[in-house]
């Protein structure tokens, strides 16, 4: 194994938020990377609704599964461990 540079938590969170925004599931809150299911308000959805969801973790191989129940969207994203 060579000398691998790992992403910081801030870089992982930024990449997750970019993937969510690209998929049309915009989250405006700080992400919880604990691996627990989190519901949130999707930007542009009706006020007071929490139809967005995600499960994210940053340990080992950072990944996130997220979706928007209101729009029947679901995506998975795995972060590359190396910065671009």
PDB file of N, CA and C in Angstrom:
ATOM      1  N   UNK A   1       0.819  -1.183   0.000  1.00  0.00           N
ATOM      2  CA  UNK A   1       0.000   0.000   0.000  1.00  0.00           C
ATOM      3  C   UNK A   1       0.863   1.247   0.000  1.00  0.00           C
ATOM      4  N   UNK A   2       0.493   2.198  -0.806  1.00  0.00           N
ATOM      5  CA  UNK A   2       1.241   3.443  -0.871  1.00  0.00           C
ATOM      6  C   UNK A   2       0.741   4.434   0.165  1.00  0.00           C
ATOM      7  N   UNK A   3       1.293   5.605   0.119  1.00  0.00           N
ATOM      8  CA  UNK A   3       0.888   6.670   1.021  1.00  0.00           C
ATOM      9  C   UNK A   3      -0.427   7.252   0.508  1.00  0.00           C
ATOM     10  N   UNK A   4      -1.534   6.973   1.196  1.00  0.00           N
ATOM     11  CA  UNK A   4      -2.845   7.454   0.777  1.00  0.00           C
ATOM     12  C   UNK A   4      -3.263   8.660   1.592  1.00  0.00           C
ATOM     13  N   UNK A   5      -3.745   9.647   0.906  1.00  0.00           N
ATOM     14  CA  UNK A   5      -4.268  10.837   1.549  1.00  0.00           C
ATOM     15  C   UNK A   5      -5.769  10.632   1.729  1.00  0.00           C
ATOM     16  N   UNK A   6      -6.269  10.829   2.934  1.00  0.00           N
ATOM     17  CA  UNK A   6      -7.693  10.627   3.181  1.00  0.00           C
ATOM     18  C   UNK A   6      -8.422  11.958   3.242  1.00  0.00           C
ATOM     19  N   UNK A   7      -9.695  11.901   2.920  1.00  0.00           N
ATOM     20  CA  UNK A   7     -10.527  13.092   2.957  1.00  0.00           C
ATOM     21  C   UNK A   7     -10.863  13.468   4.395  1.00  0.00           C
ATOM     22  N   UNK A   8     -10.981  14.751   4.644  1.00  0.00           N
ATOM     23  CA  UNK A   8     -11.437  15.215   5.960  1.00  0.00           C
ATOM     24  C   UNK A   8     -12.950  15.034   6.032  1.00  0.00           C
ATOM     25  N   UNK A   9     -13.507  15.103   7.230  1.00  0.00           N
ATOM     26  CA  UNK A   9     -14.958  15.006   7.385  1.00  0.00           C
ATOM     27  C   UNK A   9     -15.663  16.119   6.618  1.00  0.00           C
ATOM     28  N   UNK A  10     -15.077  17.311   6.626  1.00  0.00           N
ATOM     29  CA  UNK A  10     -15.672  18.435   5.892  1.00  0.00           C
ATOM     30  C   UNK A  10     -15.716  18.144   4.387  1.00  0.00           C
ATOM     31  N   UNK A  11     -14.663  17.535   3.849  1.00  0.00           N
ATOM     32  CA  UNK A  11     -14.631  17.189   2.422  1.00  0.00           C
ATOM     33  C   UNK A  11     -15.663  16.111   2.100  1.00  0.00           C
ATOM     34  N   UNK A  12     -15.795  15.120   2.972  1.00  0.00           N
ATOM     35  CA  UNK A  12     -16.786  14.057   2.775  1.00  0.00           C
ATOM     36  C   UNK A  12     -18.186  14.667   2.772  1.00  0.00           C
ATOM     37  N   UNK A  13     -18.483  15.492   3.776  1.00  0.00           N
ATOM     38  CA  UNK A  13     -19.803  16.106   3.852  1.00  0.00           C
ATOM     39  C   UNK A  13     -20.079  16.966   2.626  1.00  0.00           C
ATOM     40  N   UNK A  14     -19.104  17.736   2.168  1.00  0.00           N
ATOM     41  CA  UNK A  14     -19.272  18.581   0.982  1.00  0.00           C
ATOM     42  C   UNK A  14     -19.601  17.723  -0.249  1.00  0.00           C
ATOM     43  N   UNK A  15     -18.893  16.605  -0.411  1.00  0.00           N
ATOM     44  CA  UNK A  15     -19.164  15.723  -1.565  1.00  0.00           C
ATOM     45  C   UNK A  15     -20.555  15.102  -1.477  1.00  0.00           C
ATOM     46  N   UNK A  16     -20.967  14.696  -0.266  1.00  0.00           N
ATOM     47  CA  UNK A  16     -22.307  14.141  -0.096  1.00  0.00           C
ATOM     48  C   UNK A  16     -23.363  15.186  -0.470  1.00  0.00           C
ATOM     49  N   UNK A  17     -23.216  16.408   0.031  1.00  0.00           N
ATOM     50  CA  UNK A  17     -24.188  17.463  -0.270  1.00  0.00           C
ATOM     51  C   UNK A  17     -24.226  17.777  -1.758  1.00  0.00           C
ATOM     52  N   UNK A  18     -23.072  17.766  -2.423  1.00  0.00           N
ATOM     53  CA  UNK A  18     -23.031  17.990  -3.877  1.00  0.00           C
ATOM     54  C   UNK A  18     -23.792  16.894  -4.613  1.00  0.00           C
ATOM     55  N   UNK A  19     -23.596  15.632  -4.195  1.00  0.00           N
ATOM     56  CA  UNK A  19     -24.303  14.514  -4.832  1.00  0.00           C
ATOM     57  C   UNK A  19     -25.811  14.651  -4.624  1.00  0.00           C
ATOM     58  N   UNK A  20     -26.218  15.045  -3.428  1.00  0.00           N
ATOM     59  CA  UNK A  20     -27.644  15.220  -3.139  1.00  0.00           C
ATOM     60  C   UNK A  20     -28.228  16.354  -3.976  1.00  0.00           C
ATOM     61  N   UNK A  21     -27.526  17.475  -4.048  1.00  0.00           N
ATOM     62  CA  UNK A  21     -28.002  18.611  -4.847  1.00  0.00           C
ATOM     63  C   UNK A  21     -28.111  18.247  -6.317  1.00  0.00           C
ATOM     64  N   UNK A  22     -27.130  17.532  -6.841  1.00  0.00           N
ATOM     65  CA  UNK A  22     -27.136  17.107  -8.244  1.00  0.00           C
ATOM     66  C   UNK A  22     -28.345  16.223  -8.543  1.00  0.00           C
ATOM     67  N   UNK A  23     -28.734  15.395  -7.572  1.00  0.00           N
ATOM     68  CA  UNK A  23     -29.877  14.490  -7.752  1.00  0.00           C
ATOM     69  C   UNK A  23     -31.216  15.178  -7.494  1.00  0.00           C
ATOM     70  N   UNK A  24     -31.188  16.466  -7.114  1.00  0.00           N
ATOM     71  CA  UNK A  24     -32.429  17.185  -6.867  1.00  0.00           C
ATOM     72  C   UNK A  24     -33.009  16.954  -5.491  1.00  0.00           C
ATOM     73  N   UNK A  25     -32.168  16.529  -4.540  1.00  0.00           N
ATOM     74  CA  UNK A  25     -32.597  16.283  -3.162  1.00  0.00           C
ATOM     75  C   UNK A  25     -31.767  17.204  -2.263  1.00  0.00           C
ATOM     76  N   UNK A  26     -31.985  18.496  -2.394  1.00  0.00           N
ATOM     77  CA  UNK A  26     -31.164  19.483  -1.710  1.00  0.00           C
ATOM     78  C   UNK A  26     -31.437  19.525  -0.209  1.00  0.00           C
ATOM     79  N   UNK A  27     -30.380  19.356   0.557  1.00  0.00           N
ATOM     80  CA  UNK A  27     -30.443  19.421   2.016  1.00  0.00           C
ATOM     81  C   UNK A  27     -29.659  20.657   2.457  1.00  0.00           C
ATOM     82  N   UNK A  28     -30.296  21.509   3.242  1.00  0.00           N
ATOM     83  CA  UNK A  28     -29.652  22.749   3.661  1.00  0.00           C
ATOM     84  C   UNK A  28     -29.076  22.651   5.072  1.00  0.00           C
ATOM     85  N   UNK A  29     -29.211  21.521   5.724  1.00  0.00           N
ATOM     86  CA  UNK A  29     -28.715  21.349   7.088  1.00  0.00           C
ATOM     87  C   UNK A  29     -27.376  20.624   7.086  1.00  0.00           C
ATOM     88  N   UNK A  30     -26.666  20.727   8.197  1.00  0.00           N
ATOM     89  CA  UNK A  30     -25.427  19.972   8.371  1.00  0.00           C
ATOM     90  C   UNK A  30     -25.786  18.484   8.434  1.00  0.00           C
ATOM     91  N   UNK A  31     -24.982  17.639   7.783  1.00  0.00           N
ATOM     92  CA  UNK A  31     -25.283  16.213   7.745  1.00  0.00           C
ATOM     93  C   UNK A  31     -24.855  15.501   9.026  1.00  0.00           C
ATOM     94  N   UNK A  32     -25.629  14.495   9.392  1.00  0.00           N
ATOM     95  CA  UNK A  32     -25.316  13.608  10.513  1.00  0.00           C
ATOM     96  C   UNK A  32     -24.665  12.373   9.884  1.00  0.00           C
ATOM     97  N   UNK A  33     -23.383  12.139  10.154  1.00  0.00           N
ATOM     98  CA  UNK A  33     -22.640  11.041   9.531  1.00  0.00           C
ATOM     99  C   UNK A  33     -22.551   9.816  10.443  1.00  0.00           C
ATOM    100  N   UNK A  34     -23.545   9.628  11.317  1.00  0.00           N
ATOM    101  CA  UNK A  34     -23.521   8.555  12.316  1.00  0.00           C
ATOM    102  C   UNK A  34     -24.043   7.217  11.804  1.00  0.00           C
ATOM    103  N   UNK A  35     -24.633   7.193  10.615  1.00  0.00           N
ATOM    104  CA  UNK A  35     -25.208   5.963  10.090  1.00  0.00           C
ATOM    105  C   UNK A  35     -26.676   5.798  10.450  1.00  0.00           C
ATOM    106  N   UNK A  36     -27.261   6.784  11.120  1.00  0.00           N
ATOM    107  CA  UNK A  36     -28.678   6.737  11.492  1.00  0.00           C
ATOM    108  C   UNK A  36     -29.534   7.338  10.385  1.00  0.00           C
ATOM    109  N   UNK A  37     -30.779   6.868  10.289  1.00  0.00           N
ATOM    110  CA  UNK A  37     -31.724   7.439   9.334  1.00  0.00           C
ATOM    111  C   UNK A  37     -32.090   8.850   9.781  1.00  0.00           C
ATOM    112  N   UNK A  38     -31.981   9.800   8.863  1.00  0.00           N
ATOM    113  CA  UNK A  38     -32.301  11.200   9.153  1.00  0.00           C
ATOM    114  C   UNK A  38     -33.336  11.668   8.138  1.00  0.00           C
ATOM    115  N   UNK A  39     -34.394  12.311   8.627  1.00  0.00           N
ATOM    116  CA  UNK A  39     -35.383  12.935   7.743  1.00  0.00           C
ATOM    117  C   UNK A  39     -35.152  14.434   7.757  1.00  0.00           C
ATOM    118  N   UNK A  40     -35.362  15.086   6.623  1.00  0.00           N
ATOM    119  CA  UNK A  40     -35.120  16.511   6.524  1.00  0.00           C
ATOM    120  C   UNK A  40     -36.039  17.155   5.495  1.00  0.00           C
ATOM    121  N   UNK A  41     -36.146  18.470   5.577  1.00  0.00           N
ATOM    122  CA  UNK A  41     -36.917  19.248   4.610  1.00  0.00           C
ATOM    123  C   UNK A  41     -36.083  19.407   3.341  1.00  0.00           C
ATOM    124  N   UNK A  42     -36.638  19.038   2.215  1.00  0.00           N
ATOM    125  CA  UNK A  42     -35.960  19.218   0.925  1.00  0.00           C
ATOM    126  C   UNK A  42     -36.240  20.636   0.439  1.00  0.00           C
ATOM    127  N   UNK A  43     -35.186  21.348   0.099  1.00  0.00           N
ATOM    128  CA  UNK A  43     -35.341  22.712  -0.414  1.00  0.00           C
ATOM    129  C   UNK A  43     -36.299  22.711  -1.598  1.00  0.00           C
ATOM    130  N   UNK A  44     -37.295  23.568  -1.549  1.00  0.00           N
ATOM    131  CA  UNK A  44     -38.272  23.659  -2.630  1.00  0.00           C
ATOM    132  C   UNK A  44     -39.537  22.865  -2.373  1.00  0.00           C
ATOM    133  N   UNK A  45     -39.543  21.988  -1.365  1.00  0.00           N
ATOM    134  CA  UNK A  45     -40.739  21.214  -1.031  1.00  0.00           C
ATOM    135  C   UNK A  45     -41.673  22.098  -0.198  1.00  0.00           C
ATOM    136  N   UNK A  46     -42.899  21.627   0.023  1.00  0.00           N
ATOM    137  CA  UNK A  46     -43.861  22.376   0.818  1.00  0.00           C
ATOM    138  C   UNK A  46     -43.325  22.616   2.221  1.00  0.00           C
ATOM    139  N   UNK A  47     -43.612  23.792   2.756  1.00  0.00           N
ATOM    140  CA  UNK A  47     -43.143  24.185   4.081  1.00  0.00           C
ATOM    141  C   UNK A  47     -43.624  23.181   5.139  1.00  0.00           C
ATOM    142  N   UNK A  48     -42.714  22.822   6.039  1.00  0.00           N
ATOM    143  CA  UNK A  48     -43.048  21.929   7.144  1.00  0.00           C
ATOM    144  C   UNK A  48     -42.933  20.440   6.838  1.00  0.00           C
ATOM    145  N   UNK A  49     -42.705  20.086   5.586  1.00  0.00           N
ATOM    146  CA  UNK A  49     -42.593  18.660   5.222  1.00  0.00           C
ATOM    147  C   UNK A  49     -41.168  18.185   5.402  1.00  0.00           C
ATOM    148  N   UNK A  50     -41.024  16.966   5.825  1.00  0.00           N
ATOM    149  CA  UNK A  50     -39.708  16.333   5.953  1.00  0.00           C
ATOM    150  C   UNK A  50     -39.724  15.031   5.154  1.00  0.00           C
ATOM    151  N   UNK A  51     -39.827  15.172   3.842  1.00  0.00           N
ATOM    152  CA  UNK A  51     -39.891  14.015   2.951  1.00  0.00           C
ATOM    153  C   UNK A  51     -38.523  13.569   2.453  1.00  0.00           C
ATOM    154  N   UNK A  52     -37.485  14.339   2.750  1.00  0.00           N
ATOM    155  CA  UNK A  52     -36.130  13.927   2.391  1.00  0.00           C
ATOM    156  C   UNK A  52     -35.572  13.006   3.468  1.00  0.00           C
ATOM    157  N   UNK A  53     -34.695  12.104   3.074  1.00  0.00           N
ATOM    158  CA  UNK A  53     -34.083  11.183   4.032  1.00  0.00           C
ATOM    159  C   UNK A  53     -32.692  10.808   3.571  1.00  0.00           C
ATOM    160  N   UNK A  54     -31.856  10.402   4.519  1.00  0.00           N
ATOM    161  CA  UNK A  54     -30.538   9.882   4.179  1.00  0.00           C
ATOM    162  C   UNK A  54     -29.997   9.045   5.334  1.00  0.00           C
ATOM    163  N   UNK A  55     -29.071   8.184   4.982  1.00  0.00           N
ATOM    164  CA  UNK A  55     -28.267   7.420   5.935  1.00  0.00           C
ATOM    165  C   UNK A  55     -26.839   7.590   5.439  1.00  0.00           C
ATOM    166  N   UNK A  56     -25.977   8.170   6.276  1.00  0.00           N
ATOM    167  CA  UNK A  56     -24.605   8.465   5.848  1.00  0.00           C
ATOM    168  C   UNK A  56     -23.612   8.077   6.928  1.00  0.00           C
ATOM    169  N   UNK A  57     -22.451   7.636   6.483  1.00  0.00           N
ATOM    170  CA  UNK A  57     -21.359   7.407   7.428  1.00  0.00           C
ATOM    171  C   UNK A  57     -20.048   7.765   6.753  1.00  0.00           C
ATOM    172  N   UNK A  58     -19.094   8.197   7.567  1.00  0.00           N
ATOM    173  CA  UNK A  58     -17.824   8.672   7.033  1.00  0.00           C
ATOM    174  C   UNK A  58     -16.651   7.798   7.454  1.00  0.00           C
ATOM    175  N   UNK A  59     -16.904   6.713   8.159  1.00  0.00           N
ATOM    176  CA  UNK A  59     -15.802   5.857   8.583  1.00  0.00           C
ATOM    177  C   UNK A  59     -15.515   4.797   7.520  1.00  0.00           C
ATOM    178  N   UNK A  60     -14.275   4.342   7.437  1.00  0.00           N
ATOM    179  CA  UNK A  60     -13.922   3.319   6.446  1.00  0.00           C
ATOM    180  C   UNK A  60     -14.039   3.864   5.040  1.00  0.00           C
ATOM    181  N   UNK A  61     -15.093   3.469   4.345  1.00  0.00           N
ATOM    182  CA  UNK A  61     -15.350   3.933   2.984  1.00  0.00           C
ATOM    183  C   UNK A  61     -16.615   4.782   3.017  1.00  0.00           C
ATOM    184  N   UNK A  62     -16.489   6.100   3.095  1.00  0.00           N
ATOM    185  CA  UNK A  62     -17.645   6.975   3.250  1.00  0.00           C
ATOM    186  C   UNK A  62     -18.711   6.735   2.176  1.00  0.00           C
ATOM    187  N   UNK A  63     -19.963   6.633   2.623  1.00  0.00           N
ATOM    188  CA  UNK A  63     -21.049   6.449   1.670  1.00  0.00           C
ATOM    189  C   UNK A  63     -22.333   7.044   2.232  1.00  0.00           C
ATOM    190  N   UNK A  64     -23.266   7.274   1.318  1.00  0.00           N
ATOM    191  CA  UNK A  64     -24.564   7.830   1.699  1.00  0.00           C
ATOM    192  C   UNK A  64     -25.623   7.221   0.788  1.00  0.00           C
ATOM    193  N   UNK A  65     -26.769   6.949   1.360  1.00  0.00           N
ATOM    194  CA  UNK A  65     -27.953   6.552   0.604  1.00  0.00           C
ATOM    195  C   UNK A  65     -28.982   7.610   0.953  1.00  0.00           C
ATOM    196  N   UNK A  66     -29.626   8.212  -0.037  1.00  0.00           N
ATOM    197  CA  UNK A  66     -30.549   9.304   0.229  1.00  0.00           C
ATOM    198  C   UNK A  66     -31.709   9.275  -0.737  1.00  0.00           C
ATOM    199  N   UNK A  67     -32.758   9.983  -0.379  1.00  0.00           N
ATOM    200  CA  UNK A  67     -33.905  10.042  -1.261  1.00  0.00           C
ATOM    201  C   UNK A  67     -34.890  11.101  -0.845  1.00  0.00           C
ATOM    202  N   UNK A  68     -35.965  11.176  -1.619  1.00  0.00           N
ATOM    203  CA  UNK A  68     -37.037  12.132  -1.383  1.00  0.00           C
ATOM    204  C   UNK A  68     -38.342  11.387  -1.616  1.00  0.00           C
ATOM    205  N   UNK A  69     -39.017  11.045  -0.525  1.00  0.00           N
ATOM    206  CA  UNK A  69     -40.259  10.291  -0.646  1.00  0.00           C
ATOM    207  C   UNK A  69     -41.279  11.031  -1.493  1.00  0.00           C
ATOM    208  N   UNK A  70     -41.350  12.343  -1.384  1.00  0.00           N
ATOM    209  CA  UNK A  70     -42.332  13.123  -2.133  1.00  0.00           C
ATOM    210  C   UNK A  70     -42.155  13.051  -3.634  1.00  0.00           C
ATOM    211  N   UNK A  71     -40.942  12.824  -4.100  1.00  0.00           N
ATOM    212  CA  UNK A  71     -40.669  12.791  -5.540  1.00  0.00           C
ATOM    213  C   UNK A  71     -40.239  11.395  -6.005  1.00  0.00           C
ATOM    214  N   UNK A  72     -40.340  10.402  -5.126  1.00  0.00           N
ATOM    215  CA  UNK A  72     -39.952   9.015  -5.446  1.00  0.00           C
ATOM    216  C   UNK A  72     -38.532   8.932  -6.002  1.00  0.00           C
ATOM    217  N   UNK A  73     -37.607   9.648  -5.375  1.00  0.00           N
ATOM    218  CA  UNK A  73     -36.199   9.616  -5.795  1.00  0.00           C
ATOM    219  C   UNK A  73     -35.374   8.877  -4.754  1.00  0.00           C
ATOM    220  N   UNK A  74     -34.426   8.079  -5.235  1.00  0.00           N
ATOM    221  CA  UNK A  74     -33.515   7.385  -4.338  1.00  0.00           C
ATOM    222  C   UNK A  74     -32.176   7.223  -5.039  1.00  0.00           C
ATOM    223  N   UNK A  75     -31.090   7.498  -4.318  1.00  0.00           N
ATOM    224  CA  UNK A  75     -29.755   7.395  -4.888  1.00  0.00           C
ATOM    225  C   UNK A  75     -28.786   6.863  -3.842  1.00  0.00           C
ATOM    226  N   UNK A  76     -27.687   6.301  -4.307  1.00  0.00           N
ATOM    227  CA  UNK A  76     -26.574   5.908  -3.452  1.00  0.00           C
ATOM    228  C   UNK A  76     -25.329   6.587  -3.985  1.00  0.00           C
ATOM    229  N   UNK A  77     -24.459   6.951  -3.081  1.00  0.00           N
ATOM    230  CA  UNK A  77     -23.215   7.615  -3.475  1.00  0.00           C
ATOM    231  C   UNK A  77     -22.102   7.126  -2.570  1.00  0.00           C
ATOM    232  N   UNK A  78     -20.988   6.753  -3.157  1.00  0.00           N
ATOM    233  CA  UNK A  78     -19.809   6.351  -2.395  1.00  0.00           C
ATOM    234  C   UNK A  78     -18.694   7.317  -2.721  1.00  0.00           C
ATOM    235  N   UNK A  79     -18.069   7.814  -1.692  1.00  0.00           N
ATOM    236  CA  UNK A  79     -17.013   8.818  -1.812  1.00  0.00           C
ATOM    237  C   UNK A  79     -15.667   8.163  -2.107  1.00  0.00           C
ATOM    238  N   UNK A  80     -14.945   8.699  -3.055  1.00  0.00           N
ATOM    239  CA  UNK A  80     -13.559   8.273  -3.261  1.00  0.00           C
ATOM    240  C   UNK A  80     -12.755   8.758  -2.074  1.00  0.00           C
ATOM    241  N   UNK A  81     -11.844   7.940  -1.584  1.00  0.00           N
ATOM    242  CA  UNK A  81     -11.068   8.308  -0.402  1.00  0.00           C
ATOM    243  C   UNK A  81      -9.987   9.341  -0.710  1.00  0.00           C
ATOM    244  N   UNK A  82      -9.683   9.543  -1.962  1.00  0.00           N
ATOM    245  CA  UNK A  82      -8.628  10.503  -2.334  1.00  0.00           C
ATOM    246  C   UNK A  82      -9.233  11.831  -2.760  1.00  0.00           C
ATOM    247  N   UNK A  83      -8.630  12.920  -2.308  1.00  0.00           N
ATOM    248  CA  UNK A  83      -9.111  14.223  -2.771  1.00  0.00           C
ATOM    249  C   UNK A  83      -8.876  14.373  -4.265  1.00  0.00           C
ATOM    250  N   UNK A  84      -9.694  15.185  -4.955  1.00  0.00           N
ATOM    251  CA  UNK A  84      -9.482  15.359  -6.411  1.00  0.00           C
ATOM    252  C   UNK A  84      -8.182  16.043  -6.729  1.00  0.00           C
TER     253      UNK A  84
END
